[in-house]
């Protein structure tokens, strides 16, 4: 029986929380970088005719609030994801988590600093300017702490785009700080020299740490990932190429606007494959899909590889998947579907995707 009409399908992730955690963390880091840059511009009293100083200050304030919102969303989705043993208490009290305690703890510290900034800003009239100003300056430390946290804990630390984003942010802040030091003619020579040295040395120290830490093989173990998670991941890693027979079930559910979702759950030894298709139902059975999501893993790590279908012919489909480190895998499924009994059987083949 034909499962789908041949088509190229768009992505629909089964790992919404995982992607949300990664996405909100990256956006929060970018927003914090902009906040720091605008903060430096504000201290230097920078302005242009198109962007006067009061607009710079307003943008700085609003971006700070937006950054706090994204950090909060990052915390919530991380806890809700459930893959790593991270609880609500780990979002408040740093360095006690069983999962990468130091690097996750730095994220908690950054979050606590932003919370302190938000609360004191709301109570500014009662606290007085001096206390608020002290907390405000302390909150700037949330940016470098968040940057180290993103490298130390993030699953994308070894991916090129994440390294470029992190070091690009560090470079921009370093250049802004260096420009501030150079233009601060009225500052004492010693503080200016120390500030200039810090602006140069800090990015270099970060690069040196990254090269021997998150950027090197084996970081997950050295960072403090629990052995149970490391073992589950190692067991789930497929040796490419691989092939085997699969068996499983197929189910169909109706959604709004006349669309249906087809879910295929397959097993081959210790491996688990999940395919989801969304689209309009066909008169002869099946669905003309408009979106798809495919995952490969085990029961313990069901979403080790995730991706989408990129080609389909009858009940033979091919998907391109990727793991958190960006390693890509081509997965081909040739299936026979028994809709009367809701069962599926067939073969599975996996091969490395280059380029």
C-alpha atoms as a PDB file:
ATOM      1  CA  UNK A   1       0.000   0.000   0.000  1.00  0.00           C
ATOM      2  CA  UNK A   2       1.269   3.478  -0.813  1.00  0.00           C
ATOM      3  CA  UNK A   3       1.978   5.387   2.367  1.00  0.00           C
ATOM      4  CA  UNK A   4       2.438   8.839   0.843  1.00  0.00           C
ATOM      5  CA  UNK A   5       2.501  10.687  -2.433  1.00  0.00           C
ATOM      6  CA  UNK A   6       6.102  11.395  -3.512  1.00  0.00           C
ATOM      7  CA  UNK A   7       7.100  14.847  -2.310  1.00  0.00           C
ATOM      8  CA  UNK A   8       9.762  16.911  -0.611  1.00  0.00           C
ATOM      9  CA  UNK A   9       8.739  17.595   2.948  1.00  0.00           C
ATOM     10  CA  UNK A  10       9.359  20.425   5.393  1.00  0.00           C
ATOM     11  CA  UNK A  11      10.734  19.868   8.896  1.00  0.00           C
ATOM     12  CA  UNK A  12       8.639  19.349  12.011  1.00  0.00           C
ATOM     13  CA  UNK A  13      10.669  18.466  15.059  1.00  0.00           C
ATOM     14  CA  UNK A  14       9.687  15.857  17.603  1.00  0.00           C
ATOM     15  CA  UNK A  15      12.174  17.436  19.946  1.00  0.00           C
ATOM     16  CA  UNK A  16      10.427  20.764  20.475  1.00  0.00           C
ATOM     17  CA  UNK A  17      11.735  21.230  24.001  1.00  0.00           C
ATOM     18  CA  UNK A  18      15.292  20.313  23.035  1.00  0.00           C
ATOM     19  CA  UNK A  19      15.283  22.753  20.150  1.00  0.00           C
ATOM     20  CA  UNK A  20      13.577  25.385  22.308  1.00  0.00           C
ATOM     21  CA  UNK A  21      16.287  25.014  24.959  1.00  0.00           C
ATOM     22  CA  UNK A  22      19.047  25.457  22.402  1.00  0.00           C
ATOM     23  CA  UNK A  23      17.286  28.294  20.591  1.00  0.00           C
ATOM     24  CA  UNK A  24      16.371  30.335  23.651  1.00  0.00           C
ATOM     25  CA  UNK A  25      19.904  29.924  25.023  1.00  0.00           C
ATOM     26  CA  UNK A  26      21.481  31.209  21.805  1.00  0.00           C
ATOM     27  CA  UNK A  27      19.058  34.140  21.524  1.00  0.00           C
ATOM     28  CA  UNK A  28      19.616  35.024  25.205  1.00  0.00           C
ATOM     29  CA  UNK A  29      23.388  35.092  24.646  1.00  0.00           C
ATOM     30  CA  UNK A  30      23.010  37.369  21.619  1.00  0.00           C
ATOM     31  CA  UNK A  31      20.681  39.698  23.530  1.00  0.00           C
ATOM     32  CA  UNK A  32      23.073  39.863  26.485  1.00  0.00           C
ATOM     33  CA  UNK A  33      25.880  40.709  24.069  1.00  0.00           C
ATOM     34  CA  UNK A  34      23.817  43.595  22.663  1.00  0.00           C
ATOM     35  CA  UNK A  35      22.991  44.728  26.204  1.00  0.00           C
ATOM     36  CA  UNK A  36      26.680  44.869  27.101  1.00  0.00           C
ATOM     37  CA  UNK A  37      27.552  46.722  23.884  1.00  0.00           C
ATOM     38  CA  UNK A  38      24.799  49.287  24.492  1.00  0.00           C
ATOM     39  CA  UNK A  39      25.921  49.557  28.113  1.00  0.00           C
ATOM     40  CA  UNK A  40      29.441  50.422  26.975  1.00  0.00           C
ATOM     41  CA  UNK A  41      27.988  52.918  24.506  1.00  0.00           C
ATOM     42  CA  UNK A  42      25.914  54.458  27.285  1.00  0.00           C
ATOM     43  CA  UNK A  43      28.903  54.826  29.597  1.00  0.00           C
ATOM     44  CA  UNK A  44      30.837  56.469  26.772  1.00  0.00           C
ATOM     45  CA  UNK A  45      27.826  58.757  26.161  1.00  0.00           C
ATOM     46  CA  UNK A  46      27.781  57.617  22.529  1.00  0.00           C
ATOM     47  CA  UNK A  47      24.999  58.925  20.306  1.00  0.00           C
ATOM     48  CA  UNK A  48      24.238  59.934  16.730  1.00  0.00           C
ATOM     49  CA  UNK A  49      21.627  62.197  15.166  1.00  0.00           C
ATOM     50  CA  UNK A  50      19.620  59.148  14.114  1.00  0.00           C
ATOM     51  CA  UNK A  51      20.002  57.447  17.493  1.00  0.00           C
ATOM     52  CA  UNK A  52      20.147  59.987  20.353  1.00  0.00           C
ATOM     53  CA  UNK A  53      21.293  58.974  23.800  1.00  0.00           C
ATOM     54  CA  UNK A  54      17.831  58.597  25.320  1.00  0.00           C
ATOM     55  CA  UNK A  55      16.959  56.073  22.600  1.00  0.00           C
ATOM     56  CA  UNK A  56      20.168  54.145  23.315  1.00  0.00           C
ATOM     57  CA  UNK A  57      19.215  54.018  26.990  1.00  0.00           C
ATOM     58  CA  UNK A  58      15.636  52.927  26.226  1.00  0.00           C
ATOM     59  CA  UNK A  59      16.848  50.231  23.831  1.00  0.00           C
ATOM     60  CA  UNK A  60      19.325  49.049  26.460  1.00  0.00           C
ATOM     61  CA  UNK A  61      16.562  48.749  29.060  1.00  0.00           C
ATOM     62  CA  UNK A  62      14.125  46.941  26.770  1.00  0.00           C
ATOM     63  CA  UNK A  63      16.746  44.527  25.454  1.00  0.00           C
ATOM     64  CA  UNK A  64      17.680  43.696  29.044  1.00  0.00           C
ATOM     65  CA  UNK A  65      14.069  42.784  29.832  1.00  0.00           C
ATOM     66  CA  UNK A  66      13.858  40.729  26.644  1.00  0.00           C
ATOM     67  CA  UNK A  67      17.092  38.932  27.549  1.00  0.00           C
ATOM     68  CA  UNK A  68      15.673  38.093  30.986  1.00  0.00           C
ATOM     69  CA  UNK A  69      12.548  36.662  29.319  1.00  0.00           C
ATOM     70  CA  UNK A  70      14.601  34.444  27.002  1.00  0.00           C
ATOM     71  CA  UNK A  71      16.839  33.285  29.852  1.00  0.00           C
ATOM     72  CA  UNK A  72      13.712  32.376  31.843  1.00  0.00           C
ATOM     73  CA  UNK A  73      12.340  30.454  28.837  1.00  0.00           C
ATOM     74  CA  UNK A  74      15.705  28.713  28.497  1.00  0.00           C
ATOM     75  CA  UNK A  75      15.545  27.627  32.137  1.00  0.00           C
ATOM     76  CA  UNK A  76      11.951  26.382  31.875  1.00  0.00           C
ATOM     77  CA  UNK A  77      12.519  24.355  28.700  1.00  0.00           C
ATOM     78  CA  UNK A  78      15.746  22.882  30.083  1.00  0.00           C
ATOM     79  CA  UNK A  79      13.939  21.611  33.175  1.00  0.00           C
ATOM     80  CA  UNK A  80      10.927  20.401  31.169  1.00  0.00           C
ATOM     81  CA  UNK A  81      13.061  18.529  28.629  1.00  0.00           C
ATOM     82  CA  UNK A  82      13.899  15.892  31.231  1.00  0.00           C
ATOM     83  CA  UNK A  83      16.835  14.274  29.408  1.00  0.00           C
ATOM     84  CA  UNK A  84      19.431  15.536  31.875  1.00  0.00           C
ATOM     85  CA  UNK A  85      18.781  15.401  35.651  1.00  0.00           C
ATOM     86  CA  UNK A  86      18.193  19.148  36.044  1.00  0.00           C
ATOM     87  CA  UNK A  87      15.542  20.329  38.495  1.00  0.00           C
ATOM     88  CA  UNK A  88      14.001  23.639  39.495  1.00  0.00           C
ATOM     89  CA  UNK A  89      16.418  23.947  42.431  1.00  0.00           C
ATOM     90  CA  UNK A  90      19.336  23.866  39.977  1.00  0.00           C
ATOM     91  CA  UNK A  91      17.973  27.031  38.335  1.00  0.00           C
ATOM     92  CA  UNK A  92      18.257  28.884  41.649  1.00  0.00           C
ATOM     93  CA  UNK A  93      21.114  27.303  43.609  1.00  0.00           C
ATOM     94  CA  UNK A  94      24.326  26.905  41.592  1.00  0.00           C
ATOM     95  CA  UNK A  95      26.903  24.087  41.558  1.00  0.00           C
ATOM     96  CA  UNK A  96      24.723  21.379  43.139  1.00  0.00           C
ATOM     97  CA  UNK A  97      23.400  19.731  39.989  1.00  0.00           C
ATOM     98  CA  UNK A  98      24.583  16.184  39.180  1.00  0.00           C
ATOM     99  CA  UNK A  99      24.796  17.248  35.516  1.00  0.00           C
ATOM    100  CA  UNK A 100      27.950  19.256  34.678  1.00  0.00           C
ATOM    101  CA  UNK A 101      27.767  21.056  38.040  1.00  0.00           C
ATOM    102  CA  UNK A 102      30.359  23.773  37.401  1.00  0.00           C
ATOM    103  CA  UNK A 103      29.242  24.767  33.918  1.00  0.00           C
ATOM    104  CA  UNK A 104      25.528  24.479  34.620  1.00  0.00           C
ATOM    105  CA  UNK A 105      26.129  26.353  37.881  1.00  0.00           C
ATOM    106  CA  UNK A 106      27.614  29.274  35.951  1.00  0.00           C
ATOM    107  CA  UNK A 107      24.367  29.517  34.018  1.00  0.00           C
ATOM    108  CA  UNK A 108      22.495  29.596  37.315  1.00  0.00           C
ATOM    109  CA  UNK A 109      24.749  32.409  38.550  1.00  0.00           C
ATOM    110  CA  UNK A 110      24.058  34.408  35.380  1.00  0.00           C
ATOM    111  CA  UNK A 111      20.325  33.849  35.829  1.00  0.00           C
ATOM    112  CA  UNK A 112      20.459  34.910  39.483  1.00  0.00           C
ATOM    113  CA  UNK A 113      22.331  38.090  38.551  1.00  0.00           C
ATOM    114  CA  UNK A 114      19.708  38.966  35.955  1.00  0.00           C
ATOM    115  CA  UNK A 115      16.957  38.293  38.471  1.00  0.00           C
ATOM    116  CA  UNK A 116      18.687  40.592  40.958  1.00  0.00           C
ATOM    117  CA  UNK A 117      18.919  43.285  38.260  1.00  0.00           C
ATOM    118  CA  UNK A 118      15.220  42.947  37.416  1.00  0.00           C
ATOM    119  CA  UNK A 119      14.043  43.014  41.042  1.00  0.00           C
ATOM    120  CA  UNK A 120      16.221  45.958  42.060  1.00  0.00           C
ATOM    121  CA  UNK A 121      15.129  47.875  38.960  1.00  0.00           C
ATOM    122  CA  UNK A 122      11.495  47.415  39.974  1.00  0.00           C
ATOM    123  CA  UNK A 123      12.351  48.606  43.506  1.00  0.00           C
ATOM    124  CA  UNK A 124      14.764  51.306  42.417  1.00  0.00           C
ATOM    125  CA  UNK A 125      12.784  54.140  44.014  1.00  0.00           C
ATOM    126  CA  UNK A 126      12.939  52.425  47.416  1.00  0.00           C
ATOM    127  CA  UNK A 127      16.495  51.114  47.260  1.00  0.00           C
ATOM    128  CA  UNK A 128      18.190  54.308  46.226  1.00  0.00           C
ATOM    129  CA  UNK A 129      20.430  55.027  43.269  1.00  0.00           C
ATOM    130  CA  UNK A 130      23.739  53.847  44.783  1.00  0.00           C
ATOM    131  CA  UNK A 131      22.548  50.349  45.657  1.00  0.00           C
ATOM    132  CA  UNK A 132      20.754  49.978  42.352  1.00  0.00           C
ATOM    133  CA  UNK A 133      23.844  51.153  40.487  1.00  0.00           C
ATOM    134  CA  UNK A 134      26.037  48.625  42.297  1.00  0.00           C
ATOM    135  CA  UNK A 135      23.719  45.740  41.398  1.00  0.00           C
ATOM    136  CA  UNK A 136      23.427  47.086  37.860  1.00  0.00           C
ATOM    137  CA  UNK A 137      27.196  46.967  37.366  1.00  0.00           C
ATOM    138  CA  UNK A 138      27.375  43.532  38.981  1.00  0.00           C
ATOM    139  CA  UNK A 139      24.763  42.266  36.498  1.00  0.00           C
ATOM    140  CA  UNK A 140      27.177  42.968  33.635  1.00  0.00           C
ATOM    141  CA  UNK A 141      29.098  39.924  34.873  1.00  0.00           C
ATOM    142  CA  UNK A 142      26.183  37.786  33.686  1.00  0.00           C
ATOM    143  CA  UNK A 143      27.402  38.114  30.097  1.00  0.00           C
ATOM    144  CA  UNK A 144      30.877  36.490  30.371  1.00  0.00           C
ATOM    145  CA  UNK A 145      29.486  33.930  32.831  1.00  0.00           C
ATOM    146  CA  UNK A 146      26.685  33.061  30.389  1.00  0.00           C
ATOM    147  CA  UNK A 147      29.201  32.776  27.550  1.00  0.00           C
ATOM    148  CA  UNK A 148      31.361  30.281  29.453  1.00  0.00           C
ATOM    149  CA  UNK A 149      28.191  28.427  30.499  1.00  0.00           C
ATOM    150  CA  UNK A 150      27.070  28.111  26.879  1.00  0.00           C
ATOM    151  CA  UNK A 151      30.397  26.595  25.865  1.00  0.00           C
ATOM    152  CA  UNK A 152      30.706  24.369  28.923  1.00  0.00           C
ATOM    153  CA  UNK A 153      27.155  22.994  28.968  1.00  0.00           C
ATOM    154  CA  UNK A 154      25.720  23.498  25.495  1.00  0.00           C
ATOM    155  CA  UNK A 155      25.353  20.536  23.161  1.00  0.00           C
ATOM    156  CA  UNK A 156      26.440  22.753  20.240  1.00  0.00           C
ATOM    157  CA  UNK A 157      29.779  23.774  21.779  1.00  0.00           C
ATOM    158  CA  UNK A 158      31.818  21.897  19.143  1.00  0.00           C
ATOM    159  CA  UNK A 159      29.660  23.021  16.226  1.00  0.00           C
ATOM    160  CA  UNK A 160      31.300  25.648  14.035  1.00  0.00           C
ATOM    161  CA  UNK A 161      28.445  28.131  14.036  1.00  0.00           C
ATOM    162  CA  UNK A 162      28.256  28.134  17.828  1.00  0.00           C
ATOM    163  CA  UNK A 163      32.003  28.709  18.172  1.00  0.00           C
ATOM    164  CA  UNK A 164      31.754  31.541  15.634  1.00  0.00           C
ATOM    165  CA  UNK A 165      28.824  33.078  17.499  1.00  0.00           C
ATOM    166  CA  UNK A 166      30.513  32.814  20.894  1.00  0.00           C
ATOM    167  CA  UNK A 167      33.892  34.135  19.864  1.00  0.00           C
ATOM    168  CA  UNK A 168      32.297  36.738  17.608  1.00  0.00           C
ATOM    169  CA  UNK A 169      30.359  38.044  20.614  1.00  0.00           C
ATOM    170  CA  UNK A 170      33.500  38.036  22.741  1.00  0.00           C
ATOM    171  CA  UNK A 171      35.413  39.879  20.035  1.00  0.00           C
ATOM    172  CA  UNK A 172      32.760  42.599  19.683  1.00  0.00           C
ATOM    173  CA  UNK A 173      32.610  43.192  23.424  1.00  0.00           C
ATOM    174  CA  UNK A 174      36.419  43.241  23.629  1.00  0.00           C
ATOM    175  CA  UNK A 175      36.632  45.797  20.810  1.00  0.00           C
ATOM    176  CA  UNK A 176      33.950  47.956  22.442  1.00  0.00           C
ATOM    177  CA  UNK A 177      35.753  47.829  25.780  1.00  0.00           C
ATOM    178  CA  UNK A 178      39.073  48.617  24.112  1.00  0.00           C
ATOM    179  CA  UNK A 179      37.527  51.571  22.271  1.00  0.00           C
ATOM    180  CA  UNK A 180      36.104  52.826  25.554  1.00  0.00           C
ATOM    181  CA  UNK A 181      39.530  52.611  27.206  1.00  0.00           C
ATOM    182  CA  UNK A 182      41.224  54.439  24.326  1.00  0.00           C
ATOM    183  CA  UNK A 183      38.665  57.267  24.281  1.00  0.00           C
ATOM    184  CA  UNK A 184      38.560  57.702  28.082  1.00  0.00           C
ATOM    185  CA  UNK A 185      41.023  60.573  28.117  1.00  0.00           C
ATOM    186  CA  UNK A 186      40.012  61.697  31.578  1.00  0.00           C
ATOM    187  CA  UNK A 187      40.656  58.285  33.201  1.00  0.00           C
ATOM    188  CA  UNK A 188      43.764  57.548  35.260  1.00  0.00           C
ATOM    189  CA  UNK A 189      46.612  55.798  33.361  1.00  0.00           C
ATOM    190  CA  UNK A 190      46.656  52.653  35.527  1.00  0.00           C
ATOM    191  CA  UNK A 191      42.935  51.808  35.181  1.00  0.00           C
ATOM    192  CA  UNK A 192      43.139  52.508  31.449  1.00  0.00           C
ATOM    193  CA  UNK A 193      46.111  50.174  31.078  1.00  0.00           C
ATOM    194  CA  UNK A 194      44.422  47.442  33.109  1.00  0.00           C
ATOM    195  CA  UNK A 195      41.208  47.807  31.138  1.00  0.00           C
ATOM    196  CA  UNK A 196      43.045  47.623  27.824  1.00  0.00           C
ATOM    197  CA  UNK A 197      45.007  44.565  28.929  1.00  0.00           C
ATOM    198  CA  UNK A 198      41.821  42.834  30.094  1.00  0.00           C
ATOM    199  CA  UNK A 199      40.121  43.546  26.762  1.00  0.00           C
ATOM    200  CA  UNK A 200      42.962  41.817  24.925  1.00  0.00           C
ATOM    201  CA  UNK A 201      43.797  38.979  27.336  1.00  0.00           C
ATOM    202  CA  UNK A 202      40.243  37.818  28.143  1.00  0.00           C
ATOM    203  CA  UNK A 203      39.276  36.656  24.593  1.00  0.00           C
ATOM    204  CA  UNK A 204      42.660  34.947  24.224  1.00  0.00           C
ATOM    205  CA  UNK A 205      42.205  33.151  27.552  1.00  0.00           C
ATOM    206  CA  UNK A 206      38.713  32.088  26.471  1.00  0.00           C
ATOM    207  CA  UNK A 207      40.088  30.695  23.203  1.00  0.00           C
ATOM    208  CA  UNK A 208      42.848  28.809  25.036  1.00  0.00           C
ATOM    209  CA  UNK A 209      40.358  27.291  27.493  1.00  0.00           C
ATOM    210  CA  UNK A 210      37.950  26.344  24.714  1.00  0.00           C
ATOM    211  CA  UNK A 211      40.649  24.636  22.645  1.00  0.00           C
ATOM    212  CA  UNK A 212      41.590  22.291  25.478  1.00  0.00           C
ATOM    213  CA  UNK A 213      38.077  22.026  26.924  1.00  0.00           C
ATOM    214  CA  UNK A 214      34.711  22.153  25.118  1.00  0.00           C
ATOM    215  CA  UNK A 215      36.400  22.206  21.715  1.00  0.00           C
ATOM    216  CA  UNK A 216      38.325  18.976  22.386  1.00  0.00           C
ATOM    217  CA  UNK A 217      37.135  15.375  22.316  1.00  0.00           C
ATOM    218  CA  UNK A 218      35.931  13.863  25.584  1.00  0.00           C
ATOM    219  CA  UNK A 219      34.599  17.103  27.039  1.00  0.00           C
ATOM    220  CA  UNK A 220      31.232  15.580  27.966  1.00  0.00           C
ATOM    221  CA  UNK A 221      32.927  13.236  30.428  1.00  0.00           C
ATOM    222  CA  UNK A 222      35.360  15.820  31.797  1.00  0.00           C
ATOM    223  CA  UNK A 223      32.578  18.388  32.215  1.00  0.00           C
ATOM    224  CA  UNK A 224      30.720  16.147  34.652  1.00  0.00           C
ATOM    225  CA  UNK A 225      28.062  14.422  32.559  1.00  0.00           C
ATOM    226  CA  UNK A 226      26.682  11.487  34.616  1.00  0.00           C
ATOM    227  CA  UNK A 227      28.066   8.097  33.589  1.00  0.00           C
ATOM    228  CA  UNK A 228      24.533   6.792  33.045  1.00  0.00           C
ATOM    229  CA  UNK A 229      23.911   9.391  30.343  1.00  0.00           C
ATOM    230  CA  UNK A 230      27.316   8.798  28.755  1.00  0.00           C
ATOM    231  CA  UNK A 231      26.673   5.070  28.711  1.00  0.00           C
ATOM    232  CA  UNK A 232      23.246   5.502  27.186  1.00  0.00           C
ATOM    233  CA  UNK A 233      24.621   7.769  24.495  1.00  0.00           C
ATOM    234  CA  UNK A 234      27.492   5.419  23.692  1.00  0.00           C
ATOM    235  CA  UNK A 235      25.069   2.510  23.360  1.00  0.00           C
ATOM    236  CA  UNK A 236      22.863   4.545  21.038  1.00  0.00           C
ATOM    237  CA  UNK A 237      25.610   5.617  18.655  1.00  0.00           C
ATOM    238  CA  UNK A 238      25.162   3.587  15.444  1.00  0.00           C
ATOM    239  CA  UNK A 239      28.214   2.193  13.698  1.00  0.00           C
ATOM    240  CA  UNK A 240      27.946   3.461  10.153  1.00  0.00           C
ATOM    241  CA  UNK A 241      27.089   1.908   7.758  1.00  0.00           C
ATOM    242  CA  UNK A 242      24.447  -0.342   9.303  1.00  0.00           C
ATOM    243  CA  UNK A 243      21.441  -2.349   8.144  1.00  0.00           C
ATOM    244  CA  UNK A 244      18.722  -4.432   9.747  1.00  0.00           C
ATOM    245  CA  UNK A 245      15.097  -5.429   9.774  1.00  0.00           C
ATOM    246  CA  UNK A 246      12.539  -3.286  11.551  1.00  0.00           C
ATOM    247  CA  UNK A 247       9.115  -3.949  13.004  1.00  0.00           C
ATOM    248  CA  UNK A 248       6.642  -1.651  14.650  1.00  0.00           C
ATOM    249  CA  UNK A 249       3.289   0.046  14.621  1.00  0.00           C
ATOM    250  CA  UNK A 250       1.489   2.730  12.653  1.00  0.00           C
ATOM    251  CA  UNK A 251      -1.219   5.036  13.999  1.00  0.00           C
ATOM    252  CA  UNK A 252      -3.204   7.886  12.501  1.00  0.00           C
ATOM    253  CA  UNK A 253      -4.965  10.730  14.297  1.00  0.00           C
ATOM    254  CA  UNK A 254      -7.089  13.604  13.000  1.00  0.00           C
ATOM    255  CA  UNK A 255      -6.154  17.208  13.678  1.00  0.00           C
ATOM    256  CA  UNK A 256      -7.813  20.524  12.986  1.00  0.00           C
ATOM    257  CA  UNK A 257      -8.465  21.840   9.470  1.00  0.00           C
ATOM    258  CA  UNK A 258      -8.893  18.294   8.170  1.00  0.00           C
ATOM    259  CA  UNK A 259      -5.219  17.371   8.595  1.00  0.00           C
ATOM    260  CA  UNK A 260      -4.033  14.034   9.951  1.00  0.00           C
ATOM    261  CA  UNK A 261      -0.882  12.895  11.725  1.00  0.00           C
ATOM    262  CA  UNK A 262       0.643   9.519  10.925  1.00  0.00           C
ATOM    263  CA  UNK A 263       3.059   8.122  13.507  1.00  0.00           C
ATOM    264  CA  UNK A 264       5.291   5.132  12.763  1.00  0.00           C
ATOM    265  CA  UNK A 265       7.240   3.627  15.686  1.00  0.00           C
ATOM    266  CA  UNK A 266       9.909   1.094  14.671  1.00  0.00           C
ATOM    267  CA  UNK A 267      12.436  -1.097  16.474  1.00  0.00           C
ATOM    268  CA  UNK A 268      15.538  -2.888  15.234  1.00  0.00           C
ATOM    269  CA  UNK A 269      17.408  -4.551  18.064  1.00  0.00           C
ATOM    270  CA  UNK A 270      18.349  -1.793  20.515  1.00  0.00           C
ATOM    271  CA  UNK A 271      17.615   0.956  18.011  1.00  0.00           C
ATOM    272  CA  UNK A 272      14.385   2.900  17.844  1.00  0.00           C
ATOM    273  CA  UNK A 273      13.083   4.917  14.892  1.00  0.00           C
ATOM    274  CA  UNK A 274      10.136   7.291  15.052  1.00  0.00           C
ATOM    275  CA  UNK A 275       8.564   8.854  11.959  1.00  0.00           C
ATOM    276  CA  UNK A 276       5.833  11.496  12.066  1.00  0.00           C
ATOM    277  CA  UNK A 277       3.980  12.820   9.040  1.00  0.00           C
ATOM    278  CA  UNK A 278       1.459  15.660   8.910  1.00  0.00           C
ATOM    279  CA  UNK A 279      -0.791  16.440   5.977  1.00  0.00           C
ATOM    280  CA  UNK A 280      -4.062  15.965   4.161  1.00  0.00           C
ATOM    281  CA  UNK A 281      -5.555  12.441   4.000  1.00  0.00           C
ATOM    282  CA  UNK A 282      -5.691  10.624   0.651  1.00  0.00           C
ATOM    283  CA  UNK A 283      -8.820   8.880  -0.582  1.00  0.00           C
ATOM    284  CA  UNK A 284      -6.956   5.590  -1.056  1.00  0.00           C
ATOM    285  CA  UNK A 285      -5.420   5.704   2.405  1.00  0.00           C
ATOM    286  CA  UNK A 286      -2.317   7.382   3.757  1.00  0.00           C
ATOM    287  CA  UNK A 287      -1.601  11.088   3.725  1.00  0.00           C
ATOM    288  CA  UNK A 288      -0.168  13.704   1.388  1.00  0.00           C
ATOM    289  CA  UNK A 289       2.358  15.098   3.825  1.00  0.00           C
ATOM    290  CA  UNK A 290       3.256  18.750   4.262  1.00  0.00           C
ATOM    291  CA  UNK A 291       5.686  18.206   7.148  1.00  0.00           C
ATOM    292  CA  UNK A 292       7.729  15.388   8.634  1.00  0.00           C
ATOM    293  CA  UNK A 293      10.035  14.532  11.506  1.00  0.00           C
ATOM    294  CA  UNK A 294      12.283  11.493  11.951  1.00  0.00           C
ATOM    295  CA  UNK A 295      14.325  10.472  14.993  1.00  0.00           C
ATOM    296  CA  UNK A 296      16.795   7.637  15.622  1.00  0.00           C
ATOM    297  CA  UNK A 297      18.065   6.467  19.001  1.00  0.00           C
ATOM    298  CA  UNK A 298      17.284   4.003  21.765  1.00  0.00           C
ATOM    299  CA  UNK A 299      14.667   3.806  24.499  1.00  0.00           C
ATOM    300  CA  UNK A 300      17.027   5.707  26.837  1.00  0.00           C
ATOM    301  CA  UNK A 301      18.095   8.239  24.188  1.00  0.00           C
ATOM    302  CA  UNK A 302      15.223   8.329  21.672  1.00  0.00           C
ATOM    303  CA  UNK A 303      16.312  11.501  19.869  1.00  0.00           C
ATOM    304  CA  UNK A 304      20.035  10.988  19.393  1.00  0.00           C
ATOM    305  CA  UNK A 305      19.631  11.829  15.700  1.00  0.00           C
ATOM    306  CA  UNK A 306      16.790  14.020  14.413  1.00  0.00           C
ATOM    307  CA  UNK A 307      15.861  15.263  10.979  1.00  0.00           C
ATOM    308  CA  UNK A 308      13.276  15.086   8.228  1.00  0.00           C
ATOM    309  CA  UNK A 309      12.321  13.094   5.154  1.00  0.00           C
ATOM    310  CA  UNK A 310      14.002  14.449   2.036  1.00  0.00           C
ATOM    311  CA  UNK A 311      12.732  11.939  -0.535  1.00  0.00           C
ATOM    312  CA  UNK A 312       9.819   9.539  -0.730  1.00  0.00           C
ATOM    313  CA  UNK A 313       8.646   6.954  -3.238  1.00  0.00           C
ATOM    314  CA  UNK A 314       5.675   4.846  -2.206  1.00  0.00           C
ATOM    315  CA  UNK A 315       6.534   3.328   1.159  1.00  0.00           C
ATOM    316  CA  UNK A 316      10.270   3.788   0.702  1.00  0.00           C
ATOM    317  CA  UNK A 317      11.604   6.912   2.362  1.00  0.00           C
ATOM    318  CA  UNK A 318      14.974   8.513   2.907  1.00  0.00           C
ATOM    319  CA  UNK A 319      15.743  10.955   5.724  1.00  0.00           C
ATOM    320  CA  UNK A 320      18.783  13.028   6.616  1.00  0.00           C
ATOM    321  CA  UNK A 321      19.389  13.171  10.371  1.00  0.00           C
ATOM    322  CA  UNK A 322      21.945  14.946  12.557  1.00  0.00           C
ATOM    323  CA  UNK A 323      23.091  14.649  16.153  1.00  0.00           C
ATOM    324  CA  UNK A 324      23.833  17.505  18.561  1.00  0.00           C
ATOM    325  CA  UNK A 325      27.412  17.764  17.278  1.00  0.00           C
ATOM    326  CA  UNK A 326      26.228  18.211  13.696  1.00  0.00           C
ATOM    327  CA  UNK A 327      27.260  14.741  12.476  1.00  0.00           C
ATOM    328  CA  UNK A 328      24.865  13.741   9.698  1.00  0.00           C
ATOM    329  CA  UNK A 329      23.389  10.358   8.917  1.00  0.00           C
ATOM    330  CA  UNK A 330      21.334   9.163   5.962  1.00  0.00           C
ATOM    331  CA  UNK A 331      18.538   6.759   6.934  1.00  0.00           C
ATOM    332  CA  UNK A 332      16.592   4.691   4.383  1.00  0.00           C
ATOM    333  CA  UNK A 333      13.429   2.795   5.323  1.00  0.00           C
ATOM    334  CA  UNK A 334      11.658   0.309   3.040  1.00  0.00           C
ATOM    335  CA  UNK A 335       8.358  -0.567   4.688  1.00  0.00           C
ATOM    336  CA  UNK A 336       5.353  -2.857   4.260  1.00  0.00           C
ATOM    337  CA  UNK A 337       2.279  -1.541   6.026  1.00  0.00           C
ATOM    338  CA  UNK A 338      -0.643  -3.574   7.315  1.00  0.00           C
ATOM    339  CA  UNK A 339      -3.260  -0.943   8.128  1.00  0.00           C
ATOM    340  CA  UNK A 340      -5.821  -3.514   9.184  1.00  0.00           C
ATOM    341  CA  UNK A 341      -3.631  -4.570  12.100  1.00  0.00           C
ATOM    342  CA  UNK A 342      -1.732  -1.276  12.506  1.00  0.00           C
ATOM    343  CA  UNK A 343       1.621  -2.996  11.985  1.00  0.00           C
ATOM    344  CA  UNK A 344       4.726  -2.202   9.936  1.00  0.00           C
ATOM    345  CA  UNK A 345       7.700  -4.325   8.864  1.00  0.00           C
ATOM    346  CA  UNK A 346      10.634  -3.759   6.559  1.00  0.00           C
ATOM    347  CA  UNK A 347      14.304  -2.875   6.404  1.00  0.00           C
ATOM    348  CA  UNK A 348      16.475  -0.016   7.607  1.00  0.00           C
ATOM    349  CA  UNK A 349      19.816   1.150   6.260  1.00  0.00           C
ATOM    350  CA  UNK A 350      22.081   3.895   7.565  1.00  0.00           C
ATOM    351  CA  UNK A 351      25.037   5.580   5.907  1.00  0.00           C
ATOM    352  CA  UNK A 352      27.239   8.595   6.595  1.00  0.00           C
ATOM    353  CA  UNK A 353      26.301  11.819   4.880  1.00  0.00           C
ATOM    354  CA  UNK A 354      29.287  13.854   3.756  1.00  0.00           C
ATOM    355  CA  UNK A 355      29.444  17.494   2.864  1.00  0.00           C
END
